[in-house]
Amino acid sequence: MSFLATESPPTPANEPAVGNDGWFPDVDLQRLREECRLDGTVTAPRLRRALLVAMSSVNAELADYRTRQKAQGYARLLDVPSSQLGEERLTMVLYLRAIHAAVQTELTEVYRDIDTAAQSGGAQAAQMEQRRLALKVDEHRRNLRWAISDLLGLRRTTVELI
């Protein structure tokens, strides 16, 4: 038995930003790949589709927020007053965090159905991998919820029924 290590597939070069609705910012696919550590295994069309789904979902959740901000005269999210962190406005950091978490959730759920038994040495390893991916999806969902809550100025609350 031998093991052959291969490099991750290369990421596509010069992927264009994906336009948003005009109020929320466009999303840079290269930055998304870098910050979410997505290599070429996630193809450009799959990443774009996951991003469009994420933008649609997050934008819908923030529709009332956008309406309130527009009523106060802010033409886009970048104009909404917020703290400056490094080179970025907090509102932008939180919005992009929500988008990135939603993309990662979508991609992890899609890749969860891949059969890992052949590569990992058996059914037990495949079950462990499925549990790990389920936990990852939960982490991404939590990050999404927290980013939206933080942007809306809501307290983070986790409630579990026993």
N, C-alpha and C. Protein backbone atom coordinates (compact mmCIF):
# COMPACT_ATOMS: atom_id res chain seq x y z
N MET A 1 0.85 -1.17 0.00
CA MET A 1 0.00 0.00 0.00
C MET A 1 0.89 1.23 0.00
N SER A 2 0.55 2.20 -0.81
CA SER A 2 1.35 3.42 -0.87
C SER A 2 0.44 4.62 -0.72
N PHE A 3 1.05 5.70 -0.32
CA PHE A 3 0.31 6.94 -0.12
C PHE A 3 0.91 7.97 -1.05
N LEU A 4 0.06 8.61 -1.82
CA LEU A 4 0.51 9.63 -2.75
C LEU A 4 -0.11 10.95 -2.35
N ALA A 5 0.71 11.88 -1.92
CA ALA A 5 0.22 13.20 -1.54
C ALA A 5 0.08 14.06 -2.78
N THR A 6 -1.03 14.71 -2.89
CA THR A 6 -1.23 15.61 -4.03
C THR A 6 -1.55 17.00 -3.50
N GLU A 7 -1.26 17.97 -4.31
CA GLU A 7 -1.55 19.34 -3.95
C GLU A 7 -3.04 19.61 -4.12
N SER A 8 -3.56 20.53 -3.36
CA SER A 8 -4.95 20.93 -3.55
C SER A 8 -5.09 21.53 -4.94
N PRO A 9 -6.25 21.36 -5.54
CA PRO A 9 -6.45 21.97 -6.86
C PRO A 9 -6.23 23.48 -6.77
N PRO A 10 -5.66 24.06 -7.80
CA PRO A 10 -5.42 25.51 -7.76
C PRO A 10 -6.74 26.28 -7.77
N THR A 11 -6.70 27.44 -7.15
CA THR A 11 -7.89 28.29 -7.16
C THR A 11 -7.92 29.06 -8.47
N PRO A 12 -9.11 29.32 -8.97
CA PRO A 12 -9.22 30.11 -10.20
C PRO A 12 -8.62 31.50 -9.98
N ALA A 13 -7.97 32.00 -10.99
CA ALA A 13 -7.37 33.33 -10.90
C ALA A 13 -8.37 34.39 -11.38
N ASN A 14 -8.29 35.54 -10.77
CA ASN A 14 -9.08 36.70 -11.19
C ASN A 14 -10.59 36.44 -11.26
N GLU A 15 -11.13 35.87 -10.21
CA GLU A 15 -12.58 35.71 -10.16
C GLU A 15 -13.19 37.09 -9.92
N PRO A 16 -14.18 37.47 -10.70
CA PRO A 16 -14.78 38.79 -10.52
C PRO A 16 -15.62 38.84 -9.24
N ALA A 17 -15.75 40.03 -8.70
CA ALA A 17 -16.62 40.23 -7.54
C ALA A 17 -18.06 39.95 -7.97
N VAL A 18 -18.86 39.52 -7.02
CA VAL A 18 -20.27 39.25 -7.31
C VAL A 18 -21.08 40.46 -6.84
N GLY A 19 -21.80 41.05 -7.77
CA GLY A 19 -22.59 42.23 -7.47
C GLY A 19 -23.72 41.93 -6.51
N ASN A 20 -23.99 42.88 -5.64
CA ASN A 20 -25.06 42.74 -4.68
C ASN A 20 -26.20 43.65 -5.10
N ASP A 21 -27.09 44.00 -4.19
CA ASP A 21 -28.29 44.74 -4.54
C ASP A 21 -28.12 46.25 -4.60
N GLY A 22 -26.91 46.74 -4.41
CA GLY A 22 -26.67 48.18 -4.45
C GLY A 22 -26.58 48.80 -3.07
N TRP A 23 -27.35 48.30 -2.11
CA TRP A 23 -27.25 48.82 -0.75
C TRP A 23 -26.23 48.02 0.03
N PHE A 24 -26.31 46.71 -0.07
CA PHE A 24 -25.30 45.84 0.54
C PHE A 24 -24.12 45.76 -0.43
N PRO A 25 -22.92 45.55 0.09
CA PRO A 25 -21.72 45.59 -0.77
C PRO A 25 -21.58 44.36 -1.66
N ASP A 26 -20.87 44.57 -2.78
CA ASP A 26 -20.48 43.45 -3.63
C ASP A 26 -19.52 42.57 -2.83
N VAL A 27 -19.37 41.31 -3.23
CA VAL A 27 -18.52 40.39 -2.50
C VAL A 27 -17.40 39.91 -3.41
N ASP A 28 -16.17 40.10 -2.94
CA ASP A 28 -14.97 39.72 -3.67
C ASP A 28 -14.73 38.22 -3.47
N LEU A 29 -14.78 37.45 -4.55
CA LEU A 29 -14.62 36.00 -4.45
C LEU A 29 -13.21 35.60 -4.00
N GLN A 30 -12.19 36.34 -4.42
CA GLN A 30 -10.82 36.02 -3.99
C GLN A 30 -10.69 36.18 -2.47
N ARG A 31 -11.24 37.26 -1.94
CA ARG A 31 -11.19 37.50 -0.50
C ARG A 31 -11.98 36.42 0.24
N LEU A 32 -13.14 36.06 -0.31
CA LEU A 32 -13.96 35.01 0.28
C LEU A 32 -13.17 33.70 0.34
N ARG A 33 -12.51 33.34 -0.75
CA ARG A 33 -11.70 32.12 -0.76
C ARG A 33 -10.60 32.18 0.29
N GLU A 34 -9.90 33.31 0.36
CA GLU A 34 -8.79 33.44 1.30
C GLU A 34 -9.27 33.37 2.75
N GLU A 35 -10.31 34.13 3.08
CA GLU A 35 -10.76 34.19 4.46
C GLU A 35 -11.44 32.90 4.91
N CYS A 36 -12.05 32.18 3.99
CA CYS A 36 -12.71 30.92 4.34
C CYS A 36 -11.84 29.70 4.04
N ARG A 37 -10.64 29.95 3.58
CA ARG A 37 -9.68 28.89 3.27
C ARG A 37 -10.26 27.88 2.28
N LEU A 38 -10.77 28.39 1.16
CA LEU A 38 -11.37 27.55 0.13
C LEU A 38 -10.39 27.44 -1.03
N ASP A 39 -9.98 26.24 -1.34
CA ASP A 39 -9.06 26.06 -2.46
C ASP A 39 -9.86 25.73 -3.72
N GLY A 40 -9.18 25.25 -4.73
CA GLY A 40 -9.82 24.94 -6.01
C GLY A 40 -10.75 23.75 -5.96
N THR A 41 -10.79 23.03 -4.82
CA THR A 41 -11.75 21.93 -4.68
C THR A 41 -13.17 22.47 -4.83
N VAL A 42 -13.37 23.68 -4.36
CA VAL A 42 -14.66 24.36 -4.55
C VAL A 42 -14.55 25.09 -5.88
N THR A 43 -15.25 24.58 -6.86
CA THR A 43 -15.16 25.17 -8.20
C THR A 43 -15.77 26.56 -8.21
N ALA A 44 -15.38 27.34 -9.19
CA ALA A 44 -15.89 28.71 -9.31
C ALA A 44 -17.42 28.74 -9.43
N PRO A 45 -18.03 27.88 -10.26
CA PRO A 45 -19.50 27.92 -10.33
C PRO A 45 -20.17 27.52 -9.01
N ARG A 46 -19.61 26.55 -8.31
CA ARG A 46 -20.21 26.12 -7.04
C ARG A 46 -20.08 27.23 -5.99
N LEU A 47 -18.92 27.89 -5.97
CA LEU A 47 -18.72 28.98 -5.01
C LEU A 47 -19.66 30.14 -5.32
N ARG A 48 -19.78 30.46 -6.57
CA ARG A 48 -20.68 31.56 -6.98
C ARG A 48 -22.12 31.26 -6.58
N ARG A 49 -22.56 30.03 -6.81
CA ARG A 49 -23.93 29.64 -6.47
C ARG A 49 -24.14 29.72 -4.95
N ALA A 50 -23.19 29.20 -4.18
CA ALA A 50 -23.28 29.25 -2.72
C ALA A 50 -23.31 30.70 -2.24
N LEU A 51 -22.52 31.55 -2.88
CA LEU A 51 -22.49 32.97 -2.51
C LEU A 51 -23.83 33.65 -2.81
N LEU A 52 -24.40 33.37 -3.96
CA LEU A 52 -25.69 33.97 -4.31
C LEU A 52 -26.77 33.56 -3.32
N VAL A 53 -26.77 32.29 -2.93
CA VAL A 53 -27.73 31.80 -1.93
C VAL A 53 -27.50 32.51 -0.60
N ALA A 54 -26.23 32.64 -0.20
CA ALA A 54 -25.90 33.31 1.06
C ALA A 54 -26.32 34.77 1.03
N MET A 55 -26.03 35.47 -0.05
CA MET A 55 -26.40 36.88 -0.15
C MET A 55 -27.91 37.05 -0.08
N SER A 56 -28.63 36.20 -0.77
CA SER A 56 -30.09 36.27 -0.77
C SER A 56 -30.64 36.07 0.64
N SER A 57 -30.11 35.08 1.33
CA SER A 57 -30.58 34.75 2.68
C SER A 57 -30.25 35.85 3.69
N VAL A 58 -29.00 36.28 3.71
CA VAL A 58 -28.57 37.30 4.67
C VAL A 58 -29.27 38.63 4.36
N ASN A 59 -29.34 39.00 3.10
CA ASN A 59 -30.02 40.25 2.74
C ASN A 59 -31.48 40.23 3.16
N ALA A 60 -32.15 39.09 3.01
CA ALA A 60 -33.55 38.97 3.41
C ALA A 60 -33.69 39.14 4.92
N GLU A 61 -32.76 38.55 5.68
CA GLU A 61 -32.81 38.69 7.14
C GLU A 61 -32.57 40.13 7.58
N LEU A 62 -31.82 40.86 6.79
CA LEU A 62 -31.47 42.24 7.15
C LEU A 62 -32.35 43.27 6.42
N ALA A 63 -33.43 42.82 5.80
CA ALA A 63 -34.28 43.73 5.02
C ALA A 63 -34.87 44.85 5.88
N ASP A 64 -35.36 44.53 7.07
CA ASP A 64 -35.92 45.57 7.95
C ASP A 64 -34.83 46.54 8.39
N TYR A 65 -33.66 46.02 8.69
CA TYR A 65 -32.51 46.85 9.08
C TYR A 65 -32.19 47.83 7.95
N ARG A 66 -32.12 47.30 6.72
CA ARG A 66 -31.82 48.16 5.57
C ARG A 66 -32.89 49.24 5.41
N THR A 67 -34.15 48.86 5.56
CA THR A 67 -35.25 49.83 5.43
C THR A 67 -35.11 50.95 6.46
N ARG A 68 -34.79 50.57 7.71
CA ARG A 68 -34.61 51.59 8.76
C ARG A 68 -33.42 52.50 8.45
N GLN A 69 -32.35 51.93 7.98
CA GLN A 69 -31.15 52.73 7.68
C GLN A 69 -31.39 53.65 6.47
N LYS A 70 -32.07 53.14 5.47
CA LYS A 70 -32.38 53.97 4.31
C LYS A 70 -33.30 55.13 4.70
N ALA A 71 -34.23 54.87 5.62
CA ALA A 71 -35.14 55.92 6.09
C ALA A 71 -34.38 57.01 6.83
N GLN A 72 -33.23 56.66 7.39
CA GLN A 72 -32.40 57.65 8.08
C GLN A 72 -31.44 58.34 7.12
N GLY A 73 -31.52 57.98 5.84
CA GLY A 73 -30.73 58.68 4.82
C GLY A 73 -29.43 58.00 4.41
N TYR A 74 -29.21 56.77 4.83
CA TYR A 74 -27.97 56.08 4.46
C TYR A 74 -28.19 55.32 3.16
N ALA A 75 -27.46 55.73 2.13
CA ALA A 75 -27.65 55.19 0.78
C ALA A 75 -27.10 53.78 0.61
N ARG A 76 -26.22 53.37 1.51
CA ARG A 76 -25.65 52.01 1.44
C ARG A 76 -25.09 51.63 2.81
N LEU A 77 -24.83 50.36 3.00
CA LEU A 77 -24.35 49.88 4.29
C LEU A 77 -23.06 50.59 4.70
N LEU A 78 -22.20 50.86 3.76
CA LEU A 78 -20.94 51.52 4.05
C LEU A 78 -21.14 52.90 4.67
N ASP A 79 -22.28 53.53 4.42
CA ASP A 79 -22.57 54.86 4.95
C ASP A 79 -23.11 54.86 6.38
N VAL A 80 -23.57 53.70 6.84
CA VAL A 80 -24.13 53.60 8.19
C VAL A 80 -23.01 53.84 9.20
N PRO A 81 -23.20 54.76 10.14
CA PRO A 81 -22.14 55.03 11.12
C PRO A 81 -21.82 53.78 11.94
N SER A 82 -20.53 53.54 12.09
CA SER A 82 -20.08 52.42 12.92
C SER A 82 -18.61 52.63 13.26
N SER A 83 -18.13 51.80 14.15
CA SER A 83 -16.72 51.87 14.56
C SER A 83 -15.82 51.55 13.37
N GLN A 84 -14.63 52.09 13.44
CA GLN A 84 -13.61 51.79 12.43
C GLN A 84 -12.65 50.79 13.07
N LEU A 85 -12.48 49.65 12.44
CA LEU A 85 -11.55 48.63 12.93
C LEU A 85 -10.49 48.40 11.88
N GLY A 86 -9.27 48.81 12.19
CA GLY A 86 -8.23 48.72 11.16
C GLY A 86 -8.62 49.59 10.00
N GLU A 87 -8.71 48.98 8.86
CA GLU A 87 -9.08 49.71 7.64
C GLU A 87 -10.56 49.57 7.30
N GLU A 88 -11.32 48.89 8.15
CA GLU A 88 -12.70 48.57 7.79
C GLU A 88 -13.71 49.07 8.81
N ARG A 89 -14.92 49.31 8.33
CA ARG A 89 -16.02 49.69 9.20
C ARG A 89 -16.63 48.43 9.79
N LEU A 90 -17.04 48.50 11.04
CA LEU A 90 -17.58 47.34 11.74
C LEU A 90 -18.80 46.77 11.01
N THR A 91 -19.65 47.63 10.47
CA THR A 91 -20.82 47.13 9.75
C THR A 91 -20.41 46.22 8.59
N MET A 92 -19.36 46.60 7.88
CA MET A 92 -18.88 45.79 6.75
C MET A 92 -18.27 44.47 7.23
N VAL A 93 -17.51 44.54 8.32
CA VAL A 93 -16.90 43.33 8.88
C VAL A 93 -17.98 42.33 9.25
N LEU A 94 -19.01 42.80 9.94
CA LEU A 94 -20.08 41.91 10.39
C LEU A 94 -20.91 41.38 9.23
N TYR A 95 -21.19 42.22 8.25
CA TYR A 95 -21.96 41.76 7.09
C TYR A 95 -21.17 40.67 6.35
N LEU A 96 -19.90 40.92 6.11
CA LEU A 96 -19.11 39.92 5.40
C LEU A 96 -18.92 38.66 6.22
N ARG A 97 -18.85 38.78 7.54
CA ARG A 97 -18.75 37.59 8.39
C ARG A 97 -20.02 36.74 8.23
N ALA A 98 -21.16 37.39 8.19
CA ALA A 98 -22.42 36.66 7.99
C ALA A 98 -22.43 35.97 6.63
N ILE A 99 -22.02 36.68 5.60
CA ILE A 99 -21.98 36.11 4.25
C ILE A 99 -21.02 34.92 4.21
N HIS A 100 -19.83 35.09 4.75
CA HIS A 100 -18.83 34.01 4.73
C HIS A 100 -19.33 32.79 5.49
N ALA A 101 -19.96 32.99 6.63
CA ALA A 101 -20.48 31.87 7.41
C ALA A 101 -21.60 31.16 6.65
N ALA A 102 -22.45 31.92 5.99
CA ALA A 102 -23.54 31.31 5.21
C ALA A 102 -22.99 30.50 4.04
N VAL A 103 -21.95 31.02 3.39
CA VAL A 103 -21.31 30.28 2.29
C VAL A 103 -20.70 28.99 2.82
N GLN A 104 -19.98 29.08 3.93
CA GLN A 104 -19.34 27.89 4.49
C GLN A 104 -20.37 26.86 4.92
N THR A 105 -21.48 27.31 5.47
CA THR A 105 -22.56 26.38 5.84
C THR A 105 -23.06 25.65 4.62
N GLU A 106 -23.36 26.40 3.58
CA GLU A 106 -23.88 25.82 2.34
C GLU A 106 -22.90 24.80 1.76
N LEU A 107 -21.65 25.17 1.67
CA LEU A 107 -20.65 24.27 1.07
C LEU A 107 -20.42 23.03 1.93
N THR A 108 -20.37 23.20 3.24
CA THR A 108 -20.14 22.05 4.12
C THR A 108 -21.31 21.09 4.04
N GLU A 109 -22.52 21.62 3.97
CA GLU A 109 -23.69 20.74 3.84
C GLU A 109 -23.66 19.99 2.52
N VAL A 110 -23.26 20.66 1.46
CA VAL A 110 -23.21 20.02 0.15
C VAL A 110 -22.15 18.92 0.13
N TYR A 111 -21.00 19.19 0.71
CA TYR A 111 -19.92 18.21 0.68
C TYR A 111 -20.09 17.11 1.73
N ARG A 112 -21.06 17.24 2.60
CA ARG A 112 -21.25 16.25 3.65
C ARG A 112 -21.64 14.89 3.10
N ASP A 113 -22.25 14.87 1.92
CA ASP A 113 -22.72 13.60 1.37
C ASP A 113 -21.64 12.83 0.61
N ILE A 114 -20.43 13.35 0.56
CA ILE A 114 -19.35 12.66 -0.13
C ILE A 114 -18.94 11.43 0.68
N ASP A 115 -18.78 10.29 0.02
CA ASP A 115 -18.40 9.06 0.71
C ASP A 115 -16.91 9.10 1.00
N THR A 116 -16.58 9.14 2.28
CA THR A 116 -15.18 9.20 2.67
C THR A 116 -14.64 7.84 3.11
N ALA A 117 -15.47 6.81 3.09
CA ALA A 117 -15.07 5.50 3.60
C ALA A 117 -13.88 4.93 2.84
N ALA A 118 -13.85 5.09 1.53
CA ALA A 118 -12.76 4.52 0.75
C ALA A 118 -11.42 5.16 1.11
N GLN A 119 -11.41 6.44 1.35
CA GLN A 119 -10.17 7.11 1.66
C GLN A 119 -9.77 6.95 3.12
N SER A 120 -10.72 6.80 4.00
CA SER A 120 -10.41 6.87 5.42
C SER A 120 -10.22 5.51 6.09
N GLY A 121 -10.49 4.44 5.38
CA GLY A 121 -10.23 3.14 5.96
C GLY A 121 -11.40 2.46 6.60
N GLY A 122 -12.60 2.88 6.36
CA GLY A 122 -13.74 2.14 6.89
C GLY A 122 -14.92 2.97 7.30
N ALA A 123 -15.96 2.23 7.66
CA ALA A 123 -17.23 2.86 8.02
C ALA A 123 -17.13 3.71 9.28
N GLN A 124 -16.33 3.26 10.25
CA GLN A 124 -16.20 4.02 11.50
C GLN A 124 -15.56 5.38 11.23
N ALA A 125 -14.55 5.40 10.40
CA ALA A 125 -13.92 6.68 10.05
C ALA A 125 -14.89 7.57 9.28
N ALA A 126 -15.71 6.98 8.43
CA ALA A 126 -16.70 7.76 7.68
C ALA A 126 -17.73 8.37 8.62
N GLN A 127 -18.15 7.60 9.63
CA GLN A 127 -19.10 8.14 10.61
C GLN A 127 -18.48 9.28 11.41
N MET A 128 -17.22 9.12 11.79
CA MET A 128 -16.53 10.19 12.52
C MET A 128 -16.44 11.45 11.67
N GLU A 129 -16.16 11.28 10.39
CA GLU A 129 -16.07 12.42 9.48
C GLU A 129 -17.43 13.11 9.34
N GLN A 130 -18.50 12.34 9.27
CA GLN A 130 -19.84 12.92 9.18
C GLN A 130 -20.18 13.72 10.43
N ARG A 131 -19.79 13.20 11.61
CA ARG A 131 -20.04 13.94 12.86
C ARG A 131 -19.23 15.23 12.88
N ARG A 132 -17.98 15.15 12.41
CA ARG A 132 -17.13 16.35 12.38
C ARG A 132 -17.74 17.40 11.46
N LEU A 133 -18.23 16.99 10.31
CA LEU A 133 -18.84 17.94 9.37
C LEU A 133 -20.13 18.52 9.94
N ALA A 134 -20.90 17.72 10.66
CA ALA A 134 -22.13 18.22 11.29
C ALA A 134 -21.79 19.29 12.31
N LEU A 135 -20.73 19.08 13.09
CA LEU A 135 -20.30 20.08 14.06
C LEU A 135 -19.84 21.35 13.35
N LYS A 136 -19.15 21.18 12.22
CA LYS A 136 -18.67 22.33 11.45
C LYS A 136 -19.85 23.16 10.95
N VAL A 137 -20.88 22.49 10.45
CA VAL A 137 -22.08 23.20 9.98
C VAL A 137 -22.68 23.99 11.13
N ASP A 138 -22.76 23.37 12.31
CA ASP A 138 -23.30 24.07 13.47
C ASP A 138 -22.46 25.29 13.83
N GLU A 139 -21.14 25.18 13.75
CA GLU A 139 -20.26 26.32 14.03
C GLU A 139 -20.50 27.45 13.04
N HIS A 140 -20.63 27.11 11.76
CA HIS A 140 -20.87 28.14 10.74
C HIS A 140 -22.22 28.82 10.97
N ARG A 141 -23.23 28.02 11.31
CA ARG A 141 -24.55 28.61 11.59
C ARG A 141 -24.49 29.54 12.79
N ARG A 142 -23.76 29.13 13.82
CA ARG A 142 -23.61 29.98 15.01
C ARG A 142 -22.93 31.29 14.62
N ASN A 143 -21.87 31.21 13.84
CA ASN A 143 -21.16 32.42 13.41
C ASN A 143 -22.07 33.32 12.58
N LEU A 144 -22.89 32.73 11.76
CA LEU A 144 -23.86 33.50 10.96
C LEU A 144 -24.84 34.22 11.89
N ARG A 145 -25.42 33.50 12.83
CA ARG A 145 -26.38 34.09 13.77
C ARG A 145 -25.74 35.21 14.57
N TRP A 146 -24.52 34.98 15.06
CA TRP A 146 -23.84 36.00 15.87
C TRP A 146 -23.53 37.23 15.04
N ALA A 147 -23.08 37.06 13.81
CA ALA A 147 -22.76 38.21 12.97
C ALA A 147 -24.01 39.07 12.73
N ILE A 148 -25.13 38.42 12.44
CA ILE A 148 -26.36 39.16 12.20
C ILE A 148 -26.82 39.83 13.49
N SER A 149 -26.77 39.11 14.61
CA SER A 149 -27.16 39.71 15.89
C SER A 149 -26.29 40.91 16.22
N ASP A 150 -24.99 40.77 16.02
CA ASP A 150 -24.07 41.88 16.29
C ASP A 150 -24.36 43.08 15.40
N LEU A 151 -24.63 42.83 14.13
CA LEU A 151 -24.94 43.92 13.21
C LEU A 151 -26.23 44.64 13.61
N LEU A 152 -27.21 43.87 14.06
CA LEU A 152 -28.48 44.45 14.48
C LEU A 152 -28.44 45.03 15.89
N GLY A 153 -27.33 44.80 16.60
CA GLY A 153 -27.21 45.31 17.96
C GLY A 153 -28.01 44.50 18.96
N LEU A 154 -28.25 43.24 18.65
CA LEU A 154 -29.01 42.36 19.54
C LEU A 154 -28.05 41.52 20.38
N ARG A 155 -28.51 41.17 21.57
CA ARG A 155 -27.70 40.28 22.41
C ARG A 155 -27.69 38.88 21.80
N ARG A 156 -26.58 38.21 21.99
CA ARG A 156 -26.49 36.82 21.57
C ARG A 156 -27.13 35.95 22.64
N THR A 157 -28.03 35.11 22.23
CA THR A 157 -28.70 34.23 23.19
C THR A 157 -28.76 32.83 22.61
N THR A 158 -28.38 31.87 23.43
CA THR A 158 -28.50 30.47 23.06
C THR A 158 -29.44 29.83 24.06
N VAL A 159 -30.51 29.25 23.56
CA VAL A 159 -31.49 28.60 24.41
C VAL A 159 -31.65 27.17 23.93
N GLU A 160 -31.59 26.25 24.88
CA GLU A 160 -31.77 24.85 24.55
C GLU A 160 -32.90 24.30 25.40
N LEU A 161 -33.80 23.58 24.78
CA LEU A 161 -34.88 22.92 25.52
C LEU A 161 -34.37 21.58 26.00
N ILE A 162 -34.68 21.28 27.24
CA ILE A 162 -34.22 20.01 27.80
C ILE A 162 -35.38 19.03 27.80
